[in-house]
PDB file of N, CA and C in Angstrom:
ATOM      1  N   HIS A   1      42.537-123.333 154.427  1.00  0.00           N
ATOM      2  CA  HIS A   1      42.295-122.458 153.305  1.00  0.00           C
ATOM      3  C   HIS A   1      42.292-123.276 151.990  1.00  0.00           C
ATOM      4  N   HIS A   2      43.235-124.156 151.838  1.00  0.00           N
ATOM      5  CA  HIS A   2      43.310-124.995 150.652  1.00  0.00           C
ATOM      6  C   HIS A   2      42.074-125.923 150.554  1.00  0.00           C
ATOM      7  N   LEU A   3      41.647-126.461 151.662  1.00  0.00           N
ATOM      8  CA  LEU A   3      40.463-127.316 151.706  1.00  0.00           C
ATOM      9  C   LEU A   3      39.221-126.523 151.316  1.00  0.00           C
ATOM     10  N   CYS A   4      39.159-125.295 151.785  1.00  0.00           N
ATOM     11  CA  CYS A   4      38.018-124.422 151.469  1.00  0.00           C
ATOM     12  C   CYS A   4      37.969-124.132 149.966  1.00  0.00           C
ATOM     13  N   GLU A   5      39.089-123.894 149.349  1.00  0.00           N
ATOM     14  CA  GLU A   5      39.151-123.647 147.907  1.00  0.00           C
ATOM     15  C   GLU A   5      38.728-124.895 147.130  1.00  0.00           C
ATOM     16  N   MET A   6      39.156-126.040 147.585  1.00  0.00           N
ATOM     17  CA  MET A   6      38.783-127.295 146.919  1.00  0.00           C
ATOM     18  C   MET A   6      37.271-127.521 146.995  1.00  0.00           C
ATOM     19  N   LEU A   7      36.683-127.236 148.145  1.00  0.00           N
ATOM     20  CA  LEU A   7      35.236-127.389 148.310  1.00  0.00           C
ATOM     21  C   LEU A   7      34.475-126.428 147.398  1.00  0.00           C
ATOM     22  N   LYS A   8      34.940-125.174 147.315  1.00  0.00           N
ATOM     23  CA  LYS A   8      34.298-124.188 146.439  1.00  0.00           C
ATOM     24  C   LYS A   8      34.360-124.648 144.981  1.00  0.00           C
ATOM     25  N   GLN A   9      35.511-125.149 144.606  1.00  0.00           N
ATOM     26  CA  GLN A   9      35.691-125.610 143.239  1.00  0.00           C
ATOM     27  C   GLN A   9      34.770-126.807 142.950  1.00  0.00           C
ATOM     28  N   GLU A  10      34.661-127.702 143.892  1.00  0.00           N
ATOM     29  CA  GLU A  10      33.783-128.869 143.746  1.00  0.00           C
ATOM     30  C   GLU A  10      32.322-128.447 143.618  1.00  0.00           C
ATOM     31  N   ILE A  11      31.919-127.486 144.439  1.00  0.00           N
ATOM     32  CA  ILE A  11      30.538-126.990 144.396  1.00  0.00           C
ATOM     33  C   ILE A  11      30.261-126.322 143.053  1.00  0.00           C
ATOM     34  N   ASN A  12      31.186-125.513 142.579  1.00  0.00           N
ATOM     35  CA  ASN A  12      31.001-124.824 141.298  1.00  0.00           C
ATOM     36  C   ASN A  12      30.897-125.820 140.143  1.00  0.00           C
ATOM     37  N   GLN A  13      31.688-126.880 140.186  1.00  0.00           N
ATOM     38  CA  GLN A  13      31.633-127.892 139.122  1.00  0.00           C
ATOM     39  C   GLN A  13      30.301-128.639 139.131  1.00  0.00           C
ATOM     40  N   SER A  14      29.778-128.886 140.319  1.00  0.00           N
ATOM     41  CA  SER A  14      28.511-129.614 140.403  1.00  0.00           C
ATOM     42  C   SER A  14      27.335-128.743 139.971  1.00  0.00           C
ATOM     43  N   ARG A  15      27.507-127.420 139.990  1.00  0.00           N
ATOM     44  CA  ARG A  15      26.434-126.503 139.594  1.00  0.00           C
ATOM     45  C   ARG A  15      26.407-126.242 138.082  1.00  0.00           C
ATOM     46  N   THR A  16      27.444-126.597 137.400  1.00  0.00           N
ATOM     47  CA  THR A  16      27.448-126.336 135.960  1.00  0.00           C
ATOM     48  C   THR A  16      26.383-127.188 135.282  1.00  0.00           C
ATOM     49  N   ILE A  17      25.713-126.588 134.355  1.00  0.00           N
ATOM     50  CA  ILE A  17      24.626-127.268 133.658  1.00  0.00           C
ATOM     51  C   ILE A  17      25.215-128.122 132.551  1.00  0.00           C
ATOM     52  N   LYS A  18      24.877-129.374 132.612  1.00  0.00           N
ATOM     53  CA  LYS A  18      25.346-130.309 131.603  1.00  0.00           C
ATOM     54  C   LYS A  18      24.338-130.331 130.460  1.00  0.00           C
ATOM     55  N   PRO A  19      24.818-130.444 129.242  1.00  0.00           N
ATOM     56  CA  PRO A  19      23.860-130.508 128.129  1.00  0.00           C
ATOM     57  C   PRO A  19      23.056-131.802 128.213  1.00  0.00           C
ATOM     58  N   PRO A  20      21.805-131.749 127.772  1.00  0.00           N
ATOM     59  CA  PRO A  20      20.979-132.966 127.820  1.00  0.00           C
ATOM     60  C   PRO A  20      21.538-134.010 126.861  1.00  0.00           C
ATOM     61  N   PRO A  21      21.277-135.265 127.152  1.00  0.00           N
ATOM     62  CA  PRO A  21      21.744-136.319 126.232  1.00  0.00           C
ATOM     63  C   PRO A  21      21.007-136.180 124.903  1.00  0.00           C
ATOM     64  N   PRO A  22      21.587-136.663 123.839  1.00  0.00           N
ATOM     65  CA  PRO A  22      20.893-136.570 122.544  1.00  0.00           C
ATOM     66  C   PRO A  22      19.601-137.384 122.579  1.00  0.00           C
ATOM     67  N   PRO A  23      18.598-136.944 121.840  1.00  0.00           N
ATOM     68  CA  PRO A  23      17.318-137.674 121.859  1.00  0.00           C
ATOM     69  C   PRO A  23      17.479-139.063 121.235  1.00  0.00           C
ATOM     70  N   LEU A  24      16.652-139.979 121.712  1.00  0.00           N
ATOM     71  CA  LEU A  24      16.628-141.318 121.124  1.00  0.00           C
ATOM     72  C   LEU A  24      15.820-141.267 119.833  1.00  0.00           C
ATOM     73  N   ILE A  25      16.379-141.773 118.786  1.00  0.00           N
ATOM     74  CA  ILE A  25      15.697-141.798 117.494  1.00  0.00           C
ATOM     75  C   ILE A  25      15.494-143.261 117.118  1.00  0.00           C
ATOM     76  N   LEU A  26      14.239-143.636 116.958  1.00  0.00           N
ATOM     77  CA  LEU A  26      13.932-145.041 116.698  1.00  0.00           C
ATOM     78  C   LEU A  26      14.621-145.575 115.447  1.00  0.00           C
ATOM     79  N   SER A  27      14.808-144.737 114.459  1.00  0.00           N
ATOM     80  CA  SER A  27      15.439-145.233 113.233  1.00  0.00           C
ATOM     81  C   SER A  27      16.903-145.602 113.451  1.00  0.00           C
ATOM     82  N   ASP A  28      17.487-145.149 114.570  1.00  0.00           N
ATOM     83  CA  ASP A  28      18.866-145.507 114.885  1.00  0.00           C
ATOM     84  C   ASP A  28      18.971-146.855 115.603  1.00  0.00           C
ATOM     85  N   PHE A  29      17.836-147.411 116.028  1.00  0.00           N
ATOM     86  CA  PHE A  29      17.846-148.688 116.733  1.00  0.00           C
ATOM     87  C   PHE A  29      18.199-149.797 115.757  1.00  0.00           C
ATOM     88  N   PRO A  30      18.840-150.849 116.241  1.00  0.00           N
ATOM     89  CA  PRO A  30      19.103-152.003 115.367  1.00  0.00           C
ATOM     90  C   PRO A  30      17.783-152.609 114.874  1.00  0.00           C
ATOM     91  N   GLU A  31      17.811-153.181 113.685  1.00  0.00           N
ATOM     92  CA  GLU A  31      16.609-153.742 113.077  1.00  0.00           C
ATOM     93  C   GLU A  31      15.944-154.793 113.970  1.00  0.00           C
ATOM     94  N   GLU A  32      16.747-155.624 114.613  1.00  0.00           N
ATOM     95  CA  GLU A  32      16.187-156.671 115.478  1.00  0.00           C
ATOM     96  C   GLU A  32      15.435-156.068 116.662  1.00  0.00           C
ATOM     97  N   MET A  33      15.930-154.965 117.201  1.00  0.00           N
ATOM     98  CA  MET A  33      15.249-154.317 118.322  1.00  0.00           C
ATOM     99  C   MET A  33      13.919-153.721 117.856  1.00  0.00           C
ATOM    100  N   LEU A  34      13.915-153.085 116.687  1.00  0.00           N
ATOM    101  CA  LEU A  34      12.662-152.555 116.139  1.00  0.00           C
ATOM    102  C   LEU A  34      11.666-153.680 115.889  1.00  0.00           C
ATOM    103  N   ARG A  35      12.156-154.782 115.348  1.00  0.00           N
ATOM    104  CA  ARG A  35      11.302-155.945 115.084  1.00  0.00           C
ATOM    105  C   ARG A  35      10.642-156.408 116.390  1.00  0.00           C
ATOM    106  N   ASN A  36      11.410-156.464 117.464  1.00  0.00           N
ATOM    107  CA  ASN A  36      10.853-156.877 118.760  1.00  0.00           C
ATOM    108  C   ASN A  36       9.820-155.882 119.263  1.00  0.00           C
ATOM    109  N   ILE A  37      10.056-154.604 119.038  1.00  0.00           N
ATOM    110  CA  ILE A  37       9.077-153.584 119.445  1.00  0.00           C
ATOM    111  C   ILE A  37       7.774-153.781 118.681  1.00  0.00           C
ATOM    112  N   PHE A  38       7.866-153.971 117.358  1.00  0.00           N
ATOM    113  CA  PHE A  38       6.663-154.127 116.547  1.00  0.00           C
ATOM    114  C   PHE A  38       5.885-155.381 116.922  1.00  0.00           C
ATOM    115  N   GLU A  39       6.567-156.407 117.377  1.00  0.00           N
ATOM    116  CA  GLU A  39       5.869-157.639 117.788  1.00  0.00           C
ATOM    117  C   GLU A  39       4.966-157.410 118.995  1.00  0.00           C
ATOM    118  N   TYR A  40       5.295-156.420 119.819  1.00  0.00           N
ATOM    119  CA  TYR A  40       4.505-156.175 121.034  1.00  0.00           C
ATOM    120  C   TYR A  40       3.455-155.085 120.856  1.00  0.00           C
ATOM    121  N   LEU A  41       3.450-154.415 119.714  1.00  0.00           N
ATOM    122  CA  LEU A  41       2.425-153.401 119.473  1.00  0.00           C
ATOM    123  C   LEU A  41       1.087-154.071 119.186  1.00  0.00           C
ATOM    124  N   PRO A  42      -0.011-153.435 119.570  1.00  0.00           N
ATOM    125  CA  PRO A  42      -1.306-153.944 119.120  1.00  0.00           C
ATOM    126  C   PRO A  42      -1.369-153.876 117.592  1.00  0.00           C
ATOM    127  N   TRP A  43      -2.165-154.737 116.964  1.00  0.00           N
ATOM    128  CA  TRP A  43      -2.159-154.815 115.505  1.00  0.00           C
ATOM    129  C   TRP A  43      -2.538-153.504 114.843  1.00  0.00           C
ATOM    130  N   LYS A  44      -3.438-152.729 115.438  1.00  0.00           N
ATOM    131  CA  LYS A  44      -3.821-151.442 114.829  1.00  0.00           C
ATOM    132  C   LYS A  44      -2.630-150.475 114.849  1.00  0.00           C
ATOM    133  N   ALA A  45      -1.869-150.481 115.923  1.00  0.00           N
ATOM    134  CA  ALA A  45      -0.674-149.626 116.006  1.00  0.00           C
ATOM    135  C   ALA A  45       0.379-150.090 114.999  1.00  0.00           C
ATOM    136  N   ASN A  46       0.431-151.392 114.760  1.00  0.00           N
ATOM    137  CA  ASN A  46       1.362-151.928 113.760  1.00  0.00           C
ATOM    138  C   ASN A  46       1.021-151.376 112.377  1.00  0.00           C
ATOM    139  N   ILE A  47      -0.247-151.366 112.039  1.00  0.00           N
ATOM    140  CA  ILE A  47      -0.664-150.844 110.735  1.00  0.00           C
ATOM    141  C   ILE A  47      -0.309-149.362 110.623  1.00  0.00           C
ATOM    142  N   GLN A  48      -0.552-148.603 111.687  1.00  0.00           N
ATOM    143  CA  GLN A  48      -0.197-147.186 111.662  1.00  0.00           C
ATOM    144  C   GLN A  48       1.312-147.006 111.545  1.00  0.00           C
ATOM    145  N   SER A  49       2.078-147.816 112.255  1.00  0.00           N
ATOM    146  CA  SER A  49       3.537-147.727 112.199  1.00  0.00           C
ATOM    147  C   SER A  49       4.066-148.072 110.817  1.00  0.00           C
ATOM    148  N   SER A  50       3.377-148.964 110.127  1.00  0.00           N
ATOM    149  CA  SER A  50       3.834-149.372 108.796  1.00  0.00           C
ATOM    150  C   SER A  50       3.747-148.239 107.786  1.00  0.00           C
ATOM    151  N   MET A  51       3.046-147.180 108.130  1.00  0.00           N
ATOM    152  CA  MET A  51       2.898-146.036 107.225  1.00  0.00           C
ATOM    153  C   MET A  51       3.966-144.961 107.450  1.00  0.00           C
ATOM    154  N   VAL A  52       4.865-145.190 108.411  1.00  0.00           N
ATOM    155  CA  VAL A  52       5.891-144.189 108.738  1.00  0.00           C
ATOM    156  C   VAL A  52       6.967-144.117 107.668  1.00  0.00           C
ATOM    157  N   CYS A  53       7.512-145.257 107.296  1.00  0.00           N
ATOM    158  CA  CYS A  53       8.579-145.272 106.299  1.00  0.00           C
ATOM    159  C   CYS A  53       8.683-146.679 105.703  1.00  0.00           C
ATOM    160  N   VAL A  54       9.469-146.786 104.645  1.00  0.00           N
ATOM    161  CA  VAL A  54       9.608-148.064 103.939  1.00  0.00           C
ATOM    162  C   VAL A  54      10.191-149.142 104.852  1.00  0.00           C
ATOM    163  N   GLU A  55      11.210-148.778 105.641  1.00  0.00           N
ATOM    164  CA  GLU A  55      11.844-149.764 106.526  1.00  0.00           C
ATOM    165  C   GLU A  55      10.844-150.301 107.544  1.00  0.00           C
ATOM    166  N   TRP A  56      10.056-149.412 108.155  1.00  0.00           N
ATOM    167  CA  TRP A  56       9.072-149.854 109.139  1.00  0.00           C
ATOM    168  C   TRP A  56       7.979-150.678 108.475  1.00  0.00           C
ATOM    169  N   ARG A  57       7.604-150.312 107.264  1.00  0.00           N
ATOM    170  CA  ARG A  57       6.573-151.083 106.547  1.00  0.00           C
ATOM    171  C   ARG A  57       7.029-152.528 106.378  1.00  0.00           C
ATOM    172  N   LYS A  58       8.295-152.686 106.005  1.00  0.00           N
ATOM    173  CA  LYS A  58       8.853-154.034 105.812  1.00  0.00           C
ATOM    174  C   LYS A  58       8.849-154.809 107.134  1.00  0.00           C
ATOM    175  N   LEU A  59       9.282-154.161 108.210  1.00  0.00           N
ATOM    176  CA  LEU A  59       9.344-154.840 109.512  1.00  0.00           C
ATOM    177  C   LEU A  59       7.953-155.172 110.042  1.00  0.00           C
ATOM    178  N   CYS A  60       7.007-154.254 109.851  1.00  0.00           N
ATOM    179  CA  CYS A  60       5.637-154.480 110.343  1.00  0.00           C
ATOM    180  C   CYS A  60       4.920-155.587 109.574  1.00  0.00           C
ATOM    181  N   ALA A  61       5.356-155.855 108.359  1.00  0.00           N
ATOM    182  CA  ALA A  61       4.695-156.862 107.530  1.00  0.00           C
ATOM    183  C   ALA A  61       5.294-158.255 107.686  1.00  0.00           C
ATOM    184  N   GLU A  62       6.289-158.407 108.524  1.00  0.00           N
ATOM    185  CA  GLU A  62       6.952-159.710 108.660  1.00  0.00           C
ATOM    186  C   GLU A  62       5.992-160.774 109.198  1.00  0.00           C
ATOM    187  N   GLU A  63       6.184-161.971 108.693  1.00  0.00           N
ATOM    188  CA  GLU A  63       5.322-163.106 109.049  1.00  0.00           C
ATOM    189  C   GLU A  63       5.224-163.324 110.554  1.00  0.00           C
ATOM    190  N   ARG A  64       6.361-163.288 111.246  1.00  0.00           N
ATOM    191  CA  ARG A  64       6.318-163.635 112.681  1.00  0.00           C
ATOM    192  C   ARG A  64       5.496-162.626 113.474  1.00  0.00           C
ATOM    193  N   VAL A  65       5.465-161.368 113.032  1.00  0.00           N
ATOM    194  CA  VAL A  65       4.637-160.359 113.701  1.00  0.00           C
ATOM    195  C   VAL A  65       3.168-160.732 113.558  1.00  0.00           C
ATOM    196  N   TRP A  66       2.747-161.066 112.336  1.00  0.00           N
ATOM    197  CA  TRP A  66       1.343-161.394 112.097  1.00  0.00           C
ATOM    198  C   TRP A  66       0.973-162.766 112.641  1.00  0.00           C
ATOM    199  N   GLU A  67       1.921-163.681 112.694  1.00  0.00           N
ATOM    200  CA  GLU A  67       1.653-164.966 113.350  1.00  0.00           C
ATOM    201  C   GLU A  67       1.337-164.732 114.822  1.00  0.00           C
ATOM    202  N   ASN A  68       2.081-163.830 115.449  1.00  0.00           N
ATOM    203  CA  ASN A  68       1.804-163.502 116.856  1.00  0.00           C
ATOM    204  C   ASN A  68       0.400-162.926 117.021  1.00  0.00           C
ATOM    205  N   TYR A  69      -0.025-162.059 116.087  1.00  0.00           N
ATOM    206  CA  TYR A  69      -1.377-161.491 116.165  1.00  0.00           C
ATOM    207  C   TYR A  69      -2.438-162.576 115.982  1.00  0.00           C
ATOM    208  N   CYS A  70      -2.178-163.532 115.089  1.00  0.00           N
ATOM    209  CA  CYS A  70      -3.126-164.634 114.886  1.00  0.00           C
ATOM    210  C   CYS A  70      -3.299-165.425 116.173  1.00  0.00           C
ATOM    211  N   VAL A  71      -2.195-165.705 116.838  1.00  0.00           N
ATOM    212  CA  VAL A  71      -2.241-166.470 118.088  1.00  0.00           C
ATOM    213  C   VAL A  71      -2.913-165.651 119.186  1.00  0.00           C
ATOM    214  N   ALA A  72      -2.498-164.401 119.341  1.00  0.00           N
ATOM    215  CA  ALA A  72      -2.999-163.565 120.441  1.00  0.00           C
ATOM    216  C   ALA A  72      -4.477-163.203 120.282  1.00  0.00           C
ATOM    217  N   ASN A  73      -4.919-162.924 119.070  1.00  0.00           N
ATOM    218  CA  ASN A  73      -6.280-162.436 118.869  1.00  0.00           C
ATOM    219  C   ASN A  73      -7.288-163.521 118.523  1.00  0.00           C
ATOM    220  N   TYR A  74      -6.858-164.552 117.800  1.00  0.00           N
ATOM    221  CA  TYR A  74      -7.807-165.551 117.308  1.00  0.00           C
ATOM    222  C   TYR A  74      -7.394-166.975 117.634  1.00  0.00           C
ATOM    223  N   HIS A  75      -6.356-167.138 118.442  1.00  0.00           N
ATOM    224  CA  HIS A  75      -5.878-168.452 118.877  1.00  0.00           C
ATOM    225  C   HIS A  75      -5.591-169.382 117.694  1.00  0.00           C
ATOM    226  N   ILE A  76      -5.110-168.793 116.602  1.00  0.00           N
ATOM    227  CA  ILE A  76      -4.705-169.567 115.424  1.00  0.00           C
ATOM    228  C   ILE A  76      -3.203-169.789 115.559  1.00  0.00           C
ATOM    229  N   GLN A  77      -2.797-171.028 115.701  1.00  0.00           N
ATOM    230  CA  GLN A  77      -1.378-171.341 115.879  1.00  0.00           C
ATOM    231  C   GLN A  77      -0.609-171.168 114.575  1.00  0.00           C
ATOM    232  N   ALA A  78       0.647-170.765 114.683  1.00  0.00           N
ATOM    233  CA  ALA A  78       1.495-170.547 113.516  1.00  0.00           C
ATOM    234  C   ALA A  78       1.586-171.803 112.660  1.00  0.00           C
ATOM    235  N   ALA A  79       1.640-172.969 113.288  1.00  0.00           N
ATOM    236  CA  ALA A  79       1.743-174.227 112.537  1.00  0.00           C
ATOM    237  C   ALA A  79       0.506-174.436 111.672  1.00  0.00           C
ATOM    238  N   SER A  80      -0.667-174.059 112.158  1.00  0.00           N
ATOM    239  CA  SER A  80      -1.885-174.252 111.365  1.00  0.00           C
ATOM    240  C   SER A  80      -1.967-173.257 110.220  1.00  0.00           C
ATOM    241  N   ILE A  81      -1.285-172.122 110.329  1.00  0.00           N
ATOM    242  CA  ILE A  81      -1.270-171.154 109.224  1.00  0.00           C
ATOM    243  C   ILE A  81      -0.559-171.762 108.030  1.00  0.00           C
ATOM    244  N   THR A  82       0.592-172.360 108.270  1.00  0.00           N
ATOM    245  CA  THR A  82       1.364-172.924 107.162  1.00  0.00           C
ATOM    246  C   THR A  82       0.792-174.261 106.698  1.00  0.00           C
ATOM    247  N   SER A  83       0.194-175.042 107.593  1.00  0.00           N
ATOM    248  CA  SER A  83      -0.298-176.369 107.187  1.00  0.00           C
ATOM    249  C   SER A  83      -1.597-176.281 106.400  1.00  0.00           C
ATOM    250  N   THR A  84      -2.375-175.195 106.557  1.00  0.00           N
ATOM    251  CA  THR A  84      -3.656-175.103 105.844  1.00  0.00           C
ATOM    252  C   THR A  84      -3.506-174.464 104.475  1.00  0.00           C
ATOM    253  N   THR A  85      -2.318-174.033 104.130  1.00  0.00           N
ATOM    254  CA  THR A  85      -2.122-173.407 102.827  1.00  0.00           C
ATOM    255  C   THR A  85      -1.412-174.367 101.893  1.00  0.00           C
ATOM    256  N   SER A  86      -1.855-174.381 100.665  1.00  0.00           N
ATOM    257  CA  SER A  86      -1.193-175.229  99.672  1.00  0.00           C
ATOM    258  C   SER A  86      -0.214-174.377  98.879  1.00  0.00           C
ATOM    259  N   LYS A  87       0.627-175.012  98.089  1.00  0.00           N
ATOM    260  CA  LYS A  87       1.620-174.270  97.315  1.00  0.00           C
ATOM    261  C   LYS A  87       0.959-173.351  96.290  1.00  0.00           C
ATOM    262  N   SER A  88      -0.185-173.751  95.767  1.00  0.00           N
ATOM    263  CA  SER A  88      -0.851-172.929  94.756  1.00  0.00           C
ATOM    264  C   SER A  88      -1.674-171.806  95.367  1.00  0.00           C
ATOM    265  N   ASN A  89      -2.048-171.943  96.631  1.00  0.00           N
ATOM    266  CA  ASN A  89      -2.896-170.942  97.275  1.00  0.00           C
ATOM    267  C   ASN A  89      -2.309-170.588  98.643  1.00  0.00           C
ATOM    268  N   THR A  90      -1.183-169.924  98.661  1.00  0.00           N
ATOM    269  CA  THR A  90      -0.506-169.613  99.898  1.00  0.00           C
ATOM    270  C   THR A  90      -1.034-168.313 100.486  1.00  0.00           C
ATOM    271  N   LEU A  91      -1.394-168.357 101.745  1.00  0.00           N
ATOM    272  CA  LEU A  91      -1.827-167.161 102.467  1.00  0.00           C
ATOM    273  C   LEU A  91      -0.737-166.767 103.450  1.00  0.00           C
ATOM    274  N   SER A  92      -0.471-165.483 103.535  1.00  0.00           N
ATOM    275  CA  SER A  92       0.475-165.018 104.544  1.00  0.00           C
ATOM    276  C   SER A  92      -0.242-164.981 105.888  1.00  0.00           C
ATOM    277  N   ALA A  93       0.520-164.876 106.952  1.00  0.00           N
ATOM    278  CA  ALA A  93      -0.079-164.777 108.290  1.00  0.00           C
ATOM    279  C   ALA A  93      -0.958-163.535 108.377  1.00  0.00           C
ATOM    280  N   ARG A  94      -0.553-162.475 107.689  1.00  0.00           N
ATOM    281  CA  ARG A  94      -1.363-161.247 107.689  1.00  0.00           C
ATOM    282  C   ARG A  94      -2.722-161.507 107.031  1.00  0.00           C
ATOM    283  N   GLU A  95      -2.734-162.270 105.944  1.00  0.00           N
ATOM    284  CA  GLU A  95      -3.993-162.591 105.273  1.00  0.00           C
ATOM    285  C   GLU A  95      -4.861-163.510 106.139  1.00  0.00           C
ATOM    286  N   VAL A  96      -4.232-164.440 106.829  1.00  0.00           N
ATOM    287  CA  VAL A  96      -4.979-165.315 107.746  1.00  0.00           C
ATOM    288  C   VAL A  96      -5.601-164.470 108.854  1.00  0.00           C
ATOM    289  N   PHE A  97      -4.838-163.527 109.392  1.00  0.00           N
ATOM    290  CA  PHE A  97      -5.360-162.630 110.431  1.00  0.00           C
ATOM    291  C   PHE A  97      -6.531-161.816 109.864  1.00  0.00           C
ATOM    292  N   ARG A  98      -6.343-161.262 108.663  1.00  0.00           N
ATOM    293  CA  ARG A  98      -7.377-160.453 108.023  1.00  0.00           C
ATOM    294  C   ARG A  98      -8.663-161.260 107.867  1.00  0.00           C
ATOM    295  N   ASN A  99      -8.543-162.501 107.385  1.00  0.00           N
ATOM    296  CA  ASN A  99      -9.720-163.356 107.199  1.00  0.00           C
ATOM    297  C   ASN A  99     -10.410-163.647 108.526  1.00  0.00           C
ATOM    298  N   ALA A 100      -9.631-163.948 109.561  1.00  0.00           N
ATOM    299  CA  ALA A 100     -10.211-164.203 110.882  1.00  0.00           C
ATOM    300  C   ALA A 100     -10.904-162.954 111.410  1.00  0.00           C
ATOM    301  N   HIS A 101     -10.285-161.797 111.166  1.00  0.00           N
ATOM    302  CA  HIS A 101     -10.880-160.537 111.624  1.00  0.00           C
ATOM    303  C   HIS A 101     -12.196-160.272 110.888  1.00  0.00           C
ATOM    304  N   LEU A 102     -12.221-160.521 109.586  1.00  0.00           N
ATOM    305  CA  LEU A 102     -13.459-160.339 108.818  1.00  0.00           C
ATOM    306  C   LEU A 102     -14.558-161.262 109.317  1.00  0.00           C
ATOM    307  N   GLN A 103     -14.205-162.513 109.630  1.00  0.00           N
ATOM    308  CA  GLN A 103     -15.204-163.445 110.177  1.00  0.00           C
ATOM    309  C   GLN A 103     -15.743-162.927 111.498  1.00  0.00           C
ATOM    310  N   MET A 104     -14.859-162.418 112.343  1.00  0.00           N
ATOM    311  CA  MET A 104     -15.292-161.877 113.628  1.00  0.00           C
ATOM    312  C   MET A 104     -16.227-160.695 113.413  1.00  0.00           C
ATOM    313  N   LEU A 105     -15.926-159.824 112.442  1.00  0.00           N
ATOM    314  CA  LEU A 105     -16.790-158.673 112.183  1.00  0.00           C
ATOM    315  C   LEU A 105     -18.169-159.110 111.704  1.00  0.00           C
ATOM    316  N   ARG A 106     -18.221-160.185 110.912  1.00  0.00           N
ATOM    317  CA  ARG A 106     -19.520-160.692 110.448  1.00  0.00           C
ATOM    318  C   ARG A 106     -20.345-161.217 111.619  1.00  0.00           C
ATOM    319  N   VAL A 107     -19.696-161.839 112.590  1.00  0.00           N
ATOM    320  CA  VAL A 107     -20.384-162.393 113.754  1.00  0.00           C
ATOM    321  C   VAL A 107     -20.952-161.278 114.625  1.00  0.00           C
ATOM    322  N   ILE A 108     -20.220-160.186 114.765  1.00  0.00           N
ATOM    323  CA  ILE A 108     -20.682-159.114 115.659  1.00  0.00           C
ATOM    324  C   ILE A 108     -21.236-157.917 114.885  1.00  0.00           C
ATOM    325  N   ARG A 109     -21.671-158.172 113.635  1.00  0.00           N
ATOM    326  CA  ARG A 109     -22.200-157.084 112.812  1.00  0.00           C
ATOM    327  C   ARG A 109     -23.309-156.366 113.578  1.00  0.00           C
ATOM    328  N   PRO A 110     -23.231-155.043 113.626  1.00  0.00           N
ATOM    329  CA  PRO A 110     -24.246-154.297 114.369  1.00  0.00           C
ATOM    330  C   PRO A 110     -25.597-154.312 113.650  1.00  0.00           C
ATOM    331  N   PRO A 111     -26.659-154.056 114.390  1.00  0.00           N
ATOM    332  CA  PRO A 111     -27.987-154.021 113.763  1.00  0.00           C
ATOM    333  C   PRO A 111     -28.077-152.883 112.739  1.00  0.00           C
ATOM    334  N   ALA A 112     -29.060-152.976 111.863  1.00  0.00           N
ATOM    335  CA  ALA A 112     -29.255-151.946 110.831  1.00  0.00           C
ATOM    336  C   ALA A 112     -29.410-150.579 111.489  1.00  0.00           C
ATOM    337  N   GLY A 113     -28.839-149.584 110.848  1.00  0.00           N
ATOM    338  CA  GLY A 113     -28.940-148.221 111.369  1.00  0.00           C
ATOM    339  C   GLY A 113     -27.789-147.837 112.278  1.00  0.00           C
ATOM    340  N   VAL A 114     -27.011-148.814 112.733  1.00  0.00           N
ATOM    341  CA  VAL A 114     -25.859-148.541 113.590  1.00  0.00           C
ATOM    342  C   VAL A 114     -24.618-148.523 112.708  1.00  0.00           C
ATOM    343  N   MET A 115     -23.685-147.649 113.021  1.00  0.00           N
ATOM    344  CA  MET A 115     -22.482-147.538 112.202  1.00  0.00           C
ATOM    345  C   MET A 115     -21.805-148.903 112.048  1.00  0.00           C
ATOM    346  N   ASP A 116     -21.467-149.244 110.831  1.00  0.00           N
ATOM    347  CA  ASP A 116     -20.870-150.536 110.520  1.00  0.00           C
ATOM    348  C   ASP A 116     -19.388-150.548 110.890  1.00  0.00           C
ATOM    349  N   LEU A 117     -18.884-151.714 111.302  1.00  0.00           N
ATOM    350  CA  LEU A 117     -17.461-151.869 111.582  1.00  0.00           C
ATOM    351  C   LEU A 117     -16.741-152.197 110.281  1.00  0.00           C
ATOM    352  N   THR A 118     -15.619-151.553 110.036  1.00  0.00           N
ATOM    353  CA  THR A 118     -14.863-151.844 108.825  1.00  0.00           C
ATOM    354  C   THR A 118     -13.424-152.120 109.183  1.00  0.00           C
ATOM    355  N   LEU A 119     -12.704-152.695 108.254  1.00  0.00           N
ATOM    356  CA  LEU A 119     -11.289-152.966 108.449  1.00  0.00           C
ATOM    357  C   LEU A 119     -10.489-151.679 108.353  1.00  0.00           C
ATOM    358  N   PRO A 120      -9.442-151.552 109.137  1.00  0.00           N
ATOM    359  CA  PRO A 120      -8.544-150.418 108.972  1.00  0.00           C
ATOM    360  C   PRO A 120      -7.887-150.478 107.583  1.00  0.00           C
ATOM    361  N   ILE A 121      -7.386-149.363 107.129  1.00  0.00           N
ATOM    362  CA  ILE A 121      -6.807-149.256 105.792  1.00  0.00           C
ATOM    363  C   ILE A 121      -5.783-150.333 105.520  1.00  0.00           C
ATOM    364  N   GLY A 122      -4.898-150.618 106.460  1.00  0.00           N
ATOM    365  CA  GLY A 122      -3.848-151.591 106.235  1.00  0.00           C
ATOM    366  C   GLY A 122      -4.319-153.027 106.037  1.00  0.00           C
ATOM    367  N   LEU A 123      -5.560-153.323 106.437  1.00  0.00           N
ATOM    368  CA  LEU A 123      -6.077-154.699 106.285  1.00  0.00           C
ATOM    369  C   LEU A 123      -7.134-154.814 105.197  1.00  0.00           C
ATOM    370  N   GLN A 124      -7.421-153.719 104.502  1.00  0.00           N
ATOM    371  CA  GLN A 124      -8.407-153.778 103.442  1.00  0.00           C
ATOM    372  C   GLN A 124      -7.860-154.555 102.256  1.00  0.00           C
ATOM    373  N   PRO A 125      -8.746-155.251 101.542  1.00  0.00           N
ATOM    374  CA  PRO A 125      -8.273-156.037 100.392  1.00  0.00           C
ATOM    375  C   PRO A 125      -7.725-155.155  99.289  1.00  0.00           C
TER     376      PRO A 125
END
């Protein structure tokens, strides 16, 4: 009889509905974790993410994020980004990426009458 009561009690406890865990909120993540997430986003998603809030804008604009895009998209090494700029005319990695992207758009410019390719808002001059 005692064993039967214990089993009933155990079954009743397992049937109780537990509240769901609190939702994950990205703004609660440590800055370094967010930085790592932004490094793996495609560059267009990075630009969109930079419009969410001031903190994300700062993280999305970091040099190492754009250096990664230069390497991944245009095979421009981070060392060549810094070595080709002089103190009077310094380009950020984002600007180097933008310039490479503009050159690529000029190479693949569509024929007349076809919709032209343009830079997303975040990369416009």
